[in-house]
Amino acid sequence: MRTFFLAISLVAAAVTPLHAQDDAADKEVLERRLRACLAAGAVNAPRESLLTAVVALRSLCYTQIGRVEDVRLREVDQRFGLPEARLTRSEEERLDRERELERRRLNHEIGMAVSSFTGLAE
């Protein structure tokens, strides 16, 4: 039964027109779509290791990951006053570090979700 609901979530995300998904600026909706994709894909993910499962699901959920990452990086940029602000060299370096930290957070969340959904550990 659980597999059925996960499959339905994946189909619903896939059937929604791409332009409609692009208009969904709501961060929560994008995060839920990513989580649904990871959950649905976990059913058939490779079981050799957590790494292989993460790679497979990142490939499957590439579009959703990109959208969530874009929103999160846009939030970092806004904290620095971008796109209008002119940043000093040190501010640019700090921005780069903050953006990299946000990417790492997302990657960690994806890894934890895949581990949880598949039951695999390092």
PDB file of N, CA and C in Angstrom:
ATOM      1  N   MET A   1       0.821  -1.185   0.000  1.00  0.00           N
ATOM      2  CA  MET A   1       0.000   0.000   0.000  1.00  0.00           C
ATOM      3  C   MET A   1       0.869   1.254   0.000  1.00  0.00           C
ATOM      4  N   ARG A   2       1.940   1.237   0.817  1.00  0.00           N
ATOM      5  CA  ARG A   2       2.853   2.383   0.878  1.00  0.00           C
ATOM      6  C   ARG A   2       3.474   2.635  -0.491  1.00  0.00           C
ATOM      7  N   THR A   3       3.861   1.581  -1.165  1.00  0.00           N
ATOM      8  CA  THR A   3       4.459   1.696  -2.494  1.00  0.00           C
ATOM      9  C   THR A   3       3.481   2.343  -3.462  1.00  0.00           C
ATOM     10  N   PHE A   4       2.215   2.001  -3.338  1.00  0.00           N
ATOM     11  CA  PHE A   4       1.189   2.569  -4.209  1.00  0.00           C
ATOM     12  C   PHE A   4       1.129   4.085  -4.049  1.00  0.00           C
ATOM     13  N   PHE A   5       1.105   4.573  -2.799  1.00  0.00           N
ATOM     14  CA  PHE A   5       1.027   6.005  -2.568  1.00  0.00           C
ATOM     15  C   PHE A   5       2.285   6.727  -3.027  1.00  0.00           C
ATOM     16  N   LEU A   6       3.436   6.104  -2.857  1.00  0.00           N
ATOM     17  CA  LEU A   6       4.680   6.709  -3.324  1.00  0.00           C
ATOM     18  C   LEU A   6       4.682   6.807  -4.844  1.00  0.00           C
ATOM     19  N   ALA A   7       4.196   5.769  -5.500  1.00  0.00           N
ATOM     20  CA  ALA A   7       4.133   5.785  -6.961  1.00  0.00           C
ATOM     21  C   ALA A   7       3.178   6.866  -7.440  1.00  0.00           C
ATOM     22  N   ILE A   8       2.056   7.020  -6.765  1.00  0.00           N
ATOM     23  CA  ILE A   8       1.092   8.060  -7.125  1.00  0.00           C
ATOM     24  C   ILE A   8       1.729   9.445  -6.992  1.00  0.00           C
ATOM     25  N   SER A   9       2.508   9.661  -5.936  1.00  0.00           N
ATOM     26  CA  SER A   9       3.186  10.951  -5.742  1.00  0.00           C
ATOM     27  C   SER A   9       4.139  11.244  -6.888  1.00  0.00           C
ATOM     28  N   LEU A  10       4.889  10.236  -7.300  1.00  0.00           N
ATOM     29  CA  LEU A  10       5.832  10.418  -8.397  1.00  0.00           C
ATOM     30  C   LEU A  10       5.108  10.718  -9.696  1.00  0.00           C
ATOM     31  N   VAL A  11       4.036   9.990  -9.967  1.00  0.00           N
ATOM     32  CA  VAL A  11       3.265  10.214 -11.193  1.00  0.00           C
ATOM     33  C   VAL A  11       2.663  11.610 -11.190  1.00  0.00           C
ATOM     34  N   ALA A  12       2.142  12.045 -10.062  1.00  0.00           N
ATOM     35  CA  ALA A  12       1.538  13.373  -9.978  1.00  0.00           C
ATOM     36  C   ALA A  12       2.565  14.465 -10.263  1.00  0.00           C
ATOM     37  N   ALA A  13       3.768  14.314  -9.735  1.00  0.00           N
ATOM     38  CA  ALA A  13       4.816  15.304  -9.993  1.00  0.00           C
ATOM     39  C   ALA A  13       5.234  15.288 -11.451  1.00  0.00           C
ATOM     40  N   ALA A  14       5.273  14.108 -12.048  1.00  0.00           N
ATOM     41  CA  ALA A  14       5.699  13.990 -13.446  1.00  0.00           C
ATOM     42  C   ALA A  14       4.646  14.510 -14.404  1.00  0.00           C
ATOM     43  N   VAL A  15       3.371  14.381 -14.059  1.00  0.00           N
ATOM     44  CA  VAL A  15       2.302  14.773 -14.965  1.00  0.00           C
ATOM     45  C   VAL A  15       2.056  16.276 -14.938  1.00  0.00           C
ATOM     46  N   THR A  16       2.394  16.922 -13.837  1.00  0.00           N
ATOM     47  CA  THR A  16       2.198  18.355 -13.741  1.00  0.00           C
ATOM     48  C   THR A  16       3.046  19.040 -14.807  1.00  0.00           C
ATOM     49  N   PRO A  17       2.449  19.904 -15.613  1.00  0.00           N
ATOM     50  CA  PRO A  17       3.210  20.574 -16.666  1.00  0.00           C
ATOM     51  C   PRO A  17       4.415  21.322 -16.096  1.00  0.00           C
ATOM     52  N   LEU A  18       5.512  21.303 -16.836  1.00  0.00           N
ATOM     53  CA  LEU A  18       6.728  21.957 -16.350  1.00  0.00           C
ATOM     54  C   LEU A  18       6.528  23.433 -16.113  1.00  0.00           C
ATOM     55  N   HIS A  19       5.776  24.101 -16.989  1.00  0.00           N
ATOM     56  CA  HIS A  19       5.580  25.537 -16.784  1.00  0.00           C
ATOM     57  C   HIS A  19       4.797  25.805 -15.502  1.00  0.00           C
ATOM     58  N   ALA A  20       3.898  24.917 -15.128  1.00  0.00           N
ATOM     59  CA  ALA A  20       3.165  25.067 -13.876  1.00  0.00           C
ATOM     60  C   ALA A  20       4.104  24.875 -12.694  1.00  0.00           C
ATOM     61  N   GLN A  21       5.058  23.935 -12.817  1.00  0.00           N
ATOM     62  CA  GLN A  21       6.012  23.723 -11.741  1.00  0.00           C
ATOM     63  C   GLN A  21       6.920  24.933 -11.594  1.00  0.00           C
ATOM     64  N   ASP A  22       7.299  25.555 -12.707  1.00  0.00           N
ATOM     65  CA  ASP A  22       8.155  26.723 -12.640  1.00  0.00           C
ATOM     66  C   ASP A  22       7.462  27.889 -11.950  1.00  0.00           C
ATOM     67  N   ASP A  23       6.154  27.994 -12.104  1.00  0.00           N
ATOM     68  CA  ASP A  23       5.398  29.071 -11.478  1.00  0.00           C
ATOM     69  C   ASP A  23       5.227  28.853  -9.983  1.00  0.00           C
ATOM     70  N   ALA A  24       5.486  27.650  -9.529  1.00  0.00           N
ATOM     71  CA  ALA A  24       5.320  27.332  -8.109  1.00  0.00           C
ATOM     72  C   ALA A  24       6.521  27.843  -7.342  1.00  0.00           C
ATOM     73  N   ALA A  25       6.489  29.122  -6.994  1.00  0.00           N
ATOM     74  CA  ALA A  25       7.613  29.733  -6.298  1.00  0.00           C
ATOM     75  C   ALA A  25       7.612  29.382  -4.823  1.00  0.00           C
ATOM     76  N   ASP A  26       6.580  28.731  -4.373  1.00  0.00           N
ATOM     77  CA  ASP A  26       6.476  28.387  -2.973  1.00  0.00           C
ATOM     78  C   ASP A  26       7.528  27.345  -2.609  1.00  0.00           C
ATOM     79  N   LYS A  27       8.434  27.721  -1.765  1.00  0.00           N
ATOM     80  CA  LYS A  27       9.538  26.848  -1.378  1.00  0.00           C
ATOM     81  C   LYS A  27       9.038  25.534  -0.778  1.00  0.00           C
ATOM     82  N   GLU A  28       7.994  25.603   0.020  1.00  0.00           N
ATOM     83  CA  GLU A  28       7.461  24.396   0.648  1.00  0.00           C
ATOM     84  C   GLU A  28       6.986  23.382  -0.381  1.00  0.00           C
ATOM     85  N   VAL A  29       6.325  23.858  -1.423  1.00  0.00           N
ATOM     86  CA  VAL A  29       5.833  22.966  -2.470  1.00  0.00           C
ATOM     87  C   VAL A  29       7.006  22.285  -3.165  1.00  0.00           C
ATOM     88  N   LEU A  30       8.038  23.045  -3.470  1.00  0.00           N
ATOM     89  CA  LEU A  30       9.214  22.479  -4.139  1.00  0.00           C
ATOM     90  C   LEU A  30       9.913  21.458  -3.245  1.00  0.00           C
ATOM     91  N   GLU A  31      10.006  21.760  -1.967  1.00  0.00           N
ATOM     92  CA  GLU A  31      10.634  20.827  -1.021  1.00  0.00           C
ATOM     93  C   GLU A  31       9.821  19.533  -0.925  1.00  0.00           C
ATOM     94  N   ARG A  32       8.491  19.662  -0.894  1.00  0.00           N
ATOM     95  CA  ARG A  32       7.637  18.466  -0.816  1.00  0.00           C
ATOM     96  C   ARG A  32       7.747  17.636  -2.083  1.00  0.00           C
ATOM     97  N   ARG A  33       7.829  18.293  -3.237  1.00  0.00           N
ATOM     98  CA  ARG A  33       7.983  17.558  -4.495  1.00  0.00           C
ATOM     99  C   ARG A  33       9.292  16.785  -4.517  1.00  0.00           C
ATOM    100  N   LEU A  34      10.348  17.402  -4.032  1.00  0.00           N
ATOM    101  CA  LEU A  34      11.637  16.715  -3.977  1.00  0.00           C
ATOM    102  C   LEU A  34      11.544  15.510  -3.047  1.00  0.00           C
ATOM    103  N   ARG A  35      10.982  15.699  -1.891  1.00  0.00           N
ATOM    104  CA  ARG A  35      10.866  14.598  -0.936  1.00  0.00           C
ATOM    105  C   ARG A  35      10.007  13.466  -1.505  1.00  0.00           C
ATOM    106  N   ALA A  36       8.924  13.819  -2.199  1.00  0.00           N
ATOM    107  CA  ALA A  36       8.062  12.801  -2.813  1.00  0.00           C
ATOM    108  C   ALA A  36       8.811  12.032  -3.891  1.00  0.00           C
ATOM    109  N   CYS A  37       9.618  12.724  -4.664  1.00  0.00           N
ATOM    110  CA  CYS A  37      10.403  12.067  -5.711  1.00  0.00           C
ATOM    111  C   CYS A  37      11.406  11.097  -5.089  1.00  0.00           C
ATOM    112  N   LEU A  38      12.094  11.540  -4.049  1.00  0.00           N
ATOM    113  CA  LEU A  38      13.063  10.675  -3.380  1.00  0.00           C
ATOM    114  C   LEU A  38      12.379   9.458  -2.766  1.00  0.00           C
ATOM    115  N   ALA A  39      11.230   9.685  -2.152  1.00  0.00           N
ATOM    116  CA  ALA A  39      10.508   8.577  -1.522  1.00  0.00           C
ATOM    117  C   ALA A  39      10.029   7.574  -2.566  1.00  0.00           C
ATOM    118  N   ALA A  40       9.475   8.077  -3.649  1.00  0.00           N
ATOM    119  CA  ALA A  40       8.971   7.180  -4.695  1.00  0.00           C
ATOM    120  C   ALA A  40      10.109   6.420  -5.367  1.00  0.00           C
ATOM    121  N   GLY A  41      11.208   7.079  -5.614  1.00  0.00           N
ATOM    122  CA  GLY A  41      12.335   6.434  -6.262  1.00  0.00           C
ATOM    123  C   GLY A  41      13.058   5.441  -5.381  1.00  0.00           C
ATOM    124  N   ALA A  42      12.952   5.624  -4.068  1.00  0.00           N
ATOM    125  CA  ALA A  42      13.653   4.739  -3.132  1.00  0.00           C
ATOM    126  C   ALA A  42      13.179   3.301  -3.240  1.00  0.00           C
ATOM    127  N   VAL A  43      11.952   3.111  -3.687  1.00  0.00           N
ATOM    128  CA  VAL A  43      11.401   1.755  -3.793  1.00  0.00           C
ATOM    129  C   VAL A  43      12.253   0.890  -4.715  1.00  0.00           C
ATOM    130  N   ASN A  44      12.710   1.467  -5.816  1.00  0.00           N
ATOM    131  CA  ASN A  44      13.491   0.712  -6.792  1.00  0.00           C
ATOM    132  C   ASN A  44      14.965   1.102  -6.823  1.00  0.00           C
ATOM    133  N   ALA A  45      15.422   1.816  -5.811  1.00  0.00           N
ATOM    134  CA  ALA A  45      16.818   2.249  -5.777  1.00  0.00           C
ATOM    135  C   ALA A  45      17.745   1.051  -5.595  1.00  0.00           C
ATOM    136  N   PRO A  46      18.958   1.123  -6.148  1.00  0.00           N
ATOM    137  CA  PRO A  46      19.920   0.039  -5.944  1.00  0.00           C
ATOM    138  C   PRO A  46      20.229  -0.123  -4.455  1.00  0.00           C
ATOM    139  N   ARG A  47      20.491  -1.332  -4.047  1.00  0.00           N
ATOM    140  CA  ARG A  47      20.728  -1.627  -2.632  1.00  0.00           C
ATOM    141  C   ARG A  47      22.176  -2.007  -2.325  1.00  0.00           C
ATOM    142  N   GLU A  48      23.096  -1.785  -3.291  1.00  0.00           N
ATOM    143  CA  GLU A  48      24.497  -2.146  -3.047  1.00  0.00           C
ATOM    144  C   GLU A  48      25.100  -1.325  -1.919  1.00  0.00           C
ATOM    145  N   SER A  49      24.806  -0.035  -1.922  1.00  0.00           N
ATOM    146  CA  SER A  49      25.323   0.852  -0.886  1.00  0.00           C
ATOM    147  C   SER A  49      24.491   2.126  -0.874  1.00  0.00           C
ATOM    148  N   LEU A  50      24.654   2.882   0.189  1.00  0.00           N
ATOM    149  CA  LEU A  50      23.953   4.165   0.286  1.00  0.00           C
ATOM    150  C   LEU A  50      24.397   5.085  -0.843  1.00  0.00           C
ATOM    151  N   LEU A  51      25.690   5.068  -1.161  1.00  0.00           N
ATOM    152  CA  LEU A  51      26.206   5.923  -2.226  1.00  0.00           C
ATOM    153  C   LEU A  51      25.528   5.626  -3.565  1.00  0.00           C
ATOM    154  N   THR A  52      25.402   4.361  -3.916  1.00  0.00           N
ATOM    155  CA  THR A  52      24.769   4.028  -5.203  1.00  0.00           C
ATOM    156  C   THR A  52      23.299   4.428  -5.203  1.00  0.00           C
ATOM    157  N   ALA A  53      22.636   4.288  -4.071  1.00  0.00           N
ATOM    158  CA  ALA A  53      21.234   4.701  -3.977  1.00  0.00           C
ATOM    159  C   ALA A  53      21.109   6.219  -4.116  1.00  0.00           C
ATOM    160  N   VAL A  54      21.994   6.961  -3.452  1.00  0.00           N
ATOM    161  CA  VAL A  54      21.959   8.424  -3.541  1.00  0.00           C
ATOM    162  C   VAL A  54      22.208   8.876  -4.975  1.00  0.00           C
ATOM    163  N   VAL A  55      23.197   8.288  -5.632  1.00  0.00           N
ATOM    164  CA  VAL A  55      23.499   8.656  -7.023  1.00  0.00           C
ATOM    165  C   VAL A  55      22.295   8.380  -7.919  1.00  0.00           C
ATOM    166  N   ALA A  56      21.678   7.224  -7.756  1.00  0.00           N
ATOM    167  CA  ALA A  56      20.517   6.874  -8.580  1.00  0.00           C
ATOM    168  C   ALA A  56      19.351   7.829  -8.347  1.00  0.00           C
ATOM    169  N   LEU A  57      19.090   8.161  -7.086  1.00  0.00           N
ATOM    170  CA  LEU A  57      17.960   9.035  -6.793  1.00  0.00           C
ATOM    171  C   LEU A  57      18.245  10.487  -7.144  1.00  0.00           C
ATOM    172  N   ARG A  58      19.494  10.908  -7.041  1.00  0.00           N
ATOM    173  CA  ARG A  58      19.836  12.256  -7.499  1.00  0.00           C
ATOM    174  C   ARG A  58      19.608  12.364  -8.998  1.00  0.00           C
ATOM    175  N   SER A  59      19.908  11.311  -9.719  1.00  0.00           N
ATOM    176  CA  SER A  59      19.674  11.301 -11.160  1.00  0.00           C
ATOM    177  C   SER A  59      18.173  11.344 -11.460  1.00  0.00           C
ATOM    178  N   LEU A  60      17.411  10.546 -10.751  1.00  0.00           N
ATOM    179  CA  LEU A  60      15.967  10.493 -10.949  1.00  0.00           C
ATOM    180  C   LEU A  60      15.305  11.828 -10.618  1.00  0.00           C
ATOM    181  N   CYS A  61      15.748  12.457  -9.547  1.00  0.00           N
ATOM    182  CA  CYS A  61      15.101  13.674  -9.037  1.00  0.00           C
ATOM    183  C   CYS A  61      15.882  14.940  -9.393  1.00  0.00           C
ATOM    184  N   TYR A  62      16.651  14.875 -10.463  1.00  0.00           N
ATOM    185  CA  TYR A  62      17.527  15.974 -10.871  1.00  0.00           C
ATOM    186  C   TYR A  62      16.780  17.307 -10.971  1.00  0.00           C
ATOM    187  N   THR A  63      15.634  17.312 -11.608  1.00  0.00           N
ATOM    188  CA  THR A  63      14.878  18.547 -11.819  1.00  0.00           C
ATOM    189  C   THR A  63      14.414  19.136 -10.496  1.00  0.00           C
ATOM    190  N   GLN A  64      13.868  18.305  -9.631  1.00  0.00           N
ATOM    191  CA  GLN A  64      13.388  18.792  -8.340  1.00  0.00           C
ATOM    192  C   GLN A  64      14.537  19.305  -7.477  1.00  0.00           C
ATOM    193  N   ILE A  65      15.666  18.613  -7.517  1.00  0.00           N
ATOM    194  CA  ILE A  65      16.840  19.058  -6.754  1.00  0.00           C
ATOM    195  C   ILE A  65      17.286  20.428  -7.243  1.00  0.00           C
ATOM    196  N   GLY A  66      17.334  20.594  -8.554  1.00  0.00           N
ATOM    197  CA  GLY A  66      17.746  21.877  -9.125  1.00  0.00           C
ATOM    198  C   GLY A  66      16.835  23.020  -8.717  1.00  0.00           C
ATOM    199  N   ARG A  67      15.551  22.773  -8.697  1.00  0.00           N
ATOM    200  CA  ARG A  67      14.598  23.826  -8.317  1.00  0.00           C
ATOM    201  C   ARG A  67      14.746  24.215  -6.855  1.00  0.00           C
ATOM    202  N   VAL A  68      14.902  23.224  -5.980  1.00  0.00           N
ATOM    203  CA  VAL A  68      15.084  23.511  -4.557  1.00  0.00           C
ATOM    204  C   VAL A  68      16.399  24.257  -4.352  1.00  0.00           C
ATOM    205  N   GLU A  69      17.451  23.805  -5.025  1.00  0.00           N
ATOM    206  CA  GLU A  69      18.743  24.478  -4.897  1.00  0.00           C
ATOM    207  C   GLU A  69      18.661  25.922  -5.377  1.00  0.00           C
ATOM    208  N   ASP A  70      17.985  26.159  -6.493  1.00  0.00           N
ATOM    209  CA  ASP A  70      17.834  27.526  -7.003  1.00  0.00           C
ATOM    210  C   ASP A  70      17.159  28.436  -5.991  1.00  0.00           C
ATOM    211  N   VAL A  71      16.091  27.958  -5.376  1.00  0.00           N
ATOM    212  CA  VAL A  71      15.369  28.763  -4.390  1.00  0.00           C
ATOM    213  C   VAL A  71      16.258  29.053  -3.193  1.00  0.00           C
ATOM    214  N   ARG A  72      16.960  28.037  -2.716  1.00  0.00           N
ATOM    215  CA  ARG A  72      17.818  28.240  -1.547  1.00  0.00           C
ATOM    216  C   ARG A  72      18.966  29.199  -1.848  1.00  0.00           C
ATOM    217  N   LEU A  73      19.566  29.076  -3.027  1.00  0.00           N
ATOM    218  CA  LEU A  73      20.666  29.980  -3.381  1.00  0.00           C
ATOM    219  C   LEU A  73      20.153  31.397  -3.598  1.00  0.00           C
ATOM    220  N   ARG A  74      18.952  31.530  -4.122  1.00  0.00           N
ATOM    221  CA  ARG A  74      18.353  32.859  -4.306  1.00  0.00           C
ATOM    222  C   ARG A  74      18.158  33.520  -2.943  1.00  0.00           C
ATOM    223  N   GLU A  75      17.760  32.744  -1.942  1.00  0.00           N
ATOM    224  CA  GLU A  75      17.601  33.290  -0.594  1.00  0.00           C
ATOM    225  C   GLU A  75      18.937  33.775  -0.031  1.00  0.00           C
ATOM    226  N   VAL A  76      20.000  33.016  -0.269  1.00  0.00           N
ATOM    227  CA  VAL A  76      21.337  33.446   0.165  1.00  0.00           C
ATOM    228  C   VAL A  76      21.700  34.756  -0.527  1.00  0.00           C
ATOM    229  N   ASP A  77      21.487  34.804  -1.837  1.00  0.00           N
ATOM    230  CA  ASP A  77      21.797  36.021  -2.594  1.00  0.00           C
ATOM    231  C   ASP A  77      21.019  37.224  -2.054  1.00  0.00           C
ATOM    232  N   GLN A  78      19.756  37.020  -1.728  1.00  0.00           N
ATOM    233  CA  GLN A  78      18.931  38.116  -1.214  1.00  0.00           C
ATOM    234  C   GLN A  78      19.447  38.622   0.127  1.00  0.00           C
ATOM    235  N   ARG A  79      19.989  37.738   0.948  1.00  0.00           N
ATOM    236  CA  ARG A  79      20.571  38.166   2.224  1.00  0.00           C
ATOM    237  C   ARG A  79      21.757  39.094   2.006  1.00  0.00           C
ATOM    238  N   PHE A  80      22.404  38.967   0.860  1.00  0.00           N
ATOM    239  CA  PHE A  80      23.542  39.831   0.522  1.00  0.00           C
ATOM    240  C   PHE A  80      23.104  41.040  -0.310  1.00  0.00           C
ATOM    241  N   GLY A  81      21.811  41.201  -0.501  1.00  0.00           N
ATOM    242  CA  GLY A  81      21.300  42.349  -1.234  1.00  0.00           C
ATOM    243  C   GLY A  81      21.375  42.222  -2.741  1.00  0.00           C
ATOM    244  N   LEU A  82      21.628  41.020  -3.223  1.00  0.00           N
ATOM    245  CA  LEU A  82      21.724  40.815  -4.665  1.00  0.00           C
ATOM    246  C   LEU A  82      20.335  40.710  -5.264  1.00  0.00           C
ATOM    247  N   PRO A  83      20.171  41.094  -6.489  1.00  0.00           N
ATOM    248  CA  PRO A  83      21.179  41.376  -7.505  1.00  0.00           C
ATOM    249  C   PRO A  83      21.632  42.835  -7.546  1.00  0.00           C
ATOM    250  N   GLU A  84      21.005  43.731  -6.768  1.00  0.00           N
ATOM    251  CA  GLU A  84      21.329  45.156  -6.860  1.00  0.00           C
ATOM    252  C   GLU A  84      22.654  45.536  -6.216  1.00  0.00           C
ATOM    253  N   ALA A  85      23.027  44.863  -5.148  1.00  0.00           N
ATOM    254  CA  ALA A  85      24.204  45.246  -4.356  1.00  0.00           C
ATOM    255  C   ALA A  85      25.505  45.039  -5.125  1.00  0.00           C
ATOM    256  N   ARG A  86      26.446  45.920  -4.837  1.00  0.00           N
ATOM    257  CA  ARG A  86      27.816  45.745  -5.334  1.00  0.00           C
ATOM    258  C   ARG A  86      28.636  45.270  -4.140  1.00  0.00           C
ATOM    259  N   LEU A  87      29.180  44.088  -4.268  1.00  0.00           N
ATOM    260  CA  LEU A  87      29.878  43.471  -3.150  1.00  0.00           C
ATOM    261  C   LEU A  87      31.375  43.725  -3.224  1.00  0.00           C
ATOM    262  N   THR A  88      31.970  43.870  -2.046  1.00  0.00           N
ATOM    263  CA  THR A  88      33.422  43.948  -1.971  1.00  0.00           C
ATOM    264  C   THR A  88      33.981  42.541  -2.177  1.00  0.00           C
ATOM    265  N   ARG A  89      35.265  42.455  -2.343  1.00  0.00           N
ATOM    266  CA  ARG A  89      35.912  41.154  -2.545  1.00  0.00           C
ATOM    267  C   ARG A  89      35.645  40.222  -1.357  1.00  0.00           C
ATOM    268  N   SER A  90      35.756  40.744  -0.147  1.00  0.00           N
ATOM    269  CA  SER A  90      35.524  39.905   1.037  1.00  0.00           C
ATOM    270  C   SER A  90      34.056  39.481   1.114  1.00  0.00           C
ATOM    271  N   GLU A  91      33.144  40.348   0.722  1.00  0.00           N
ATOM    272  CA  GLU A  91      31.722  39.979   0.706  1.00  0.00           C
ATOM    273  C   GLU A  91      31.446  38.911  -0.351  1.00  0.00           C
ATOM    274  N   GLU A  92      32.116  39.027  -1.501  1.00  0.00           N
ATOM    275  CA  GLU A  92      31.967  38.005  -2.541  1.00  0.00           C
ATOM    276  C   GLU A  92      32.461  36.644  -2.049  1.00  0.00           C
ATOM    277  N   GLU A  93      33.572  36.652  -1.329  1.00  0.00           N
ATOM    278  CA  GLU A  93      34.109  35.408  -0.781  1.00  0.00           C
ATOM    279  C   GLU A  93      33.157  34.819   0.251  1.00  0.00           C
ATOM    280  N   ARG A  94      32.585  35.690   1.089  1.00  0.00           N
ATOM    281  CA  ARG A  94      31.616  35.229   2.074  1.00  0.00           C
ATOM    282  C   ARG A  94      30.363  34.683   1.394  1.00  0.00           C
ATOM    283  N   LEU A  95      29.922  35.344   0.327  1.00  0.00           N
ATOM    284  CA  LEU A  95      28.775  34.869  -0.455  1.00  0.00           C
ATOM    285  C   LEU A  95      29.059  33.485  -1.032  1.00  0.00           C
ATOM    286  N   ASP A  96      30.242  33.308  -1.593  1.00  0.00           N
ATOM    287  CA  ASP A  96      30.620  32.003  -2.151  1.00  0.00           C
ATOM    288  C   ASP A  96      30.592  30.918  -1.078  1.00  0.00           C
ATOM    289  N   ARG A  97      31.109  31.235   0.111  1.00  0.00           N
ATOM    290  CA  ARG A  97      31.102  30.264   1.215  1.00  0.00           C
ATOM    291  C   ARG A  97      29.679  29.929   1.644  1.00  0.00           C
ATOM    292  N   GLU A  98      28.833  30.943   1.737  1.00  0.00           N
ATOM    293  CA  GLU A  98      27.437  30.732   2.135  1.00  0.00           C
ATOM    294  C   GLU A  98      26.691  29.887   1.109  1.00  0.00           C
ATOM    295  N   ARG A  99      26.935  30.151  -0.169  1.00  0.00           N
ATOM    296  CA  ARG A  99      26.288  29.374  -1.238  1.00  0.00           C
ATOM    297  C   ARG A  99      26.766  27.916  -1.184  1.00  0.00           C
ATOM    298  N   GLU A 100      28.053  27.707  -0.976  1.00  0.00           N
ATOM    299  CA  GLU A 100      28.591  26.342  -0.882  1.00  0.00           C
ATOM    300  C   GLU A 100      28.018  25.627   0.346  1.00  0.00           C
ATOM    301  N   LEU A 101      27.896  26.323   1.442  1.00  0.00           N
ATOM    302  CA  LEU A 101      27.317  25.746   2.656  1.00  0.00           C
ATOM    303  C   LEU A 101      25.862  25.335   2.403  1.00  0.00           C
ATOM    304  N   GLU A 102      25.126  26.157   1.688  1.00  0.00           N
ATOM    305  CA  GLU A 102      23.728  25.831   1.390  1.00  0.00           C
ATOM    306  C   GLU A 102      23.633  24.610   0.485  1.00  0.00           C
ATOM    307  N   ARG A 103      24.531  24.485  -0.486  1.00  0.00           N
ATOM    308  CA  ARG A 103      24.562  23.290  -1.339  1.00  0.00           C
ATOM    309  C   ARG A 103      24.872  22.044  -0.518  1.00  0.00           C
ATOM    310  N   ARG A 104      25.815  22.172   0.407  1.00  0.00           N
ATOM    311  CA  ARG A 104      26.179  21.031   1.259  1.00  0.00           C
ATOM    312  C   ARG A 104      25.018  20.620   2.161  1.00  0.00           C
ATOM    313  N   ARG A 105      24.295  21.613   2.670  1.00  0.00           N
ATOM    314  CA  ARG A 105      23.124  21.302   3.498  1.00  0.00           C
ATOM    315  C   ARG A 105      22.101  20.496   2.696  1.00  0.00           C
ATOM    316  N   LEU A 106      21.836  20.943   1.472  1.00  0.00           N
ATOM    317  CA  LEU A 106      20.877  20.236   0.633  1.00  0.00           C
ATOM    318  C   LEU A 106      21.374  18.821   0.339  1.00  0.00           C
ATOM    319  N   ASN A 107      22.638  18.676  -0.002  1.00  0.00           N
ATOM    320  CA  ASN A 107      23.191  17.341  -0.271  1.00  0.00           C
ATOM    321  C   ASN A 107      23.080  16.439   0.959  1.00  0.00           C
ATOM    322  N   HIS A 108      23.333  16.999   2.127  1.00  0.00           N
ATOM    323  CA  HIS A 108      23.213  16.225   3.363  1.00  0.00           C
ATOM    324  C   HIS A 108      21.759  15.794   3.581  1.00  0.00           C
ATOM    325  N   GLU A 109      20.824  16.709   3.381  1.00  0.00           N
ATOM    326  CA  GLU A 109      19.402  16.386   3.547  1.00  0.00           C
ATOM    327  C   GLU A 109      18.979  15.287   2.573  1.00  0.00           C
ATOM    328  N   ILE A 110      19.480  15.355   1.344  1.00  0.00           N
ATOM    329  CA  ILE A 110      19.155  14.325   0.351  1.00  0.00           C
ATOM    330  C   ILE A 110      19.704  12.981   0.807  1.00  0.00           C
ATOM    331  N   GLY A 111      20.945  12.956   1.250  1.00  0.00           N
ATOM    332  CA  GLY A 111      21.551  11.717   1.734  1.00  0.00           C
ATOM    333  C   GLY A 111      20.795  11.132   2.914  1.00  0.00           C
ATOM    334  N   MET A 112      20.389  11.978   3.850  1.00  0.00           N
ATOM    335  CA  MET A 112      19.644  11.509   5.013  1.00  0.00           C
ATOM    336  C   MET A 112      18.278  10.968   4.594  1.00  0.00           C
ATOM    337  N   ALA A 113      17.620  11.650   3.660  1.00  0.00           N
ATOM    338  CA  ALA A 113      16.309  11.182   3.190  1.00  0.00           C
ATOM    339  C   ALA A 113      16.436   9.835   2.490  1.00  0.00           C
ATOM    340  N   VAL A 114      17.441   9.700   1.634  1.00  0.00           N
ATOM    341  CA  VAL A 114      17.648   8.429   0.921  1.00  0.00           C
ATOM    342  C   VAL A 114      17.943   7.322   1.920  1.00  0.00           C
ATOM    343  N   SER A 115      18.758   7.605   2.903  1.00  0.00           N
ATOM    344  CA  SER A 115      19.064   6.615   3.934  1.00  0.00           C
ATOM    345  C   SER A 115      17.793   6.194   4.663  1.00  0.00           C
ATOM    346  N   SER A 116      16.990   7.158   5.004  1.00  0.00           N
ATOM    347  CA  SER A 116      15.745   6.884   5.714  1.00  0.00           C
ATOM    348  C   SER A 116      14.775   6.076   4.861  1.00  0.00           C
ATOM    349  N   PHE A 117      14.623   6.453   3.604  1.00  0.00           N
ATOM    350  CA  PHE A 117      13.658   5.783   2.728  1.00  0.00           C
ATOM    351  C   PHE A 117      14.104   4.380   2.317  1.00  0.00           C
ATOM    352  N   THR A 118      15.418   4.163   2.199  1.00  0.00           N
ATOM    353  CA  THR A 118      15.913   2.867   1.737  1.00  0.00           C
ATOM    354  C   THR A 118      16.334   1.952   2.876  1.00  0.00           C
ATOM    355  N   GLY A 119      16.587   2.524   4.037  1.00  0.00           N
ATOM    356  CA  GLY A 119      17.075   1.737   5.172  1.00  0.00           C
ATOM    357  C   GLY A 119      18.566   1.447   5.069  1.00  0.00           C
ATOM    358  N   LEU A 120      19.238   2.066   4.109  1.00  0.00           N
ATOM    359  CA  LEU A 120      20.679   1.870   3.941  1.00  0.00           C
ATOM    360  C   LEU A 120      21.448   2.848   4.813  1.00  0.00           C
ATOM    361  N   ALA A 121      22.629   2.437   5.245  1.00  0.00           N
ATOM    362  CA  ALA A 121      23.523   3.305   6.018  1.00  0.00           C
ATOM    363  C   ALA A 121      24.905   3.217   5.404  1.00  0.00           C
ATOM    364  N   GLU A 122      25.757   4.127   5.789  1.00  0.00           N
ATOM    365  CA  GLU A 122      27.122   4.146   5.246  1.00  0.00           C
ATOM    366  C   GLU A 122      27.866   2.888   5.543  1.00  0.00           C
TER     367      GLU A 122
END
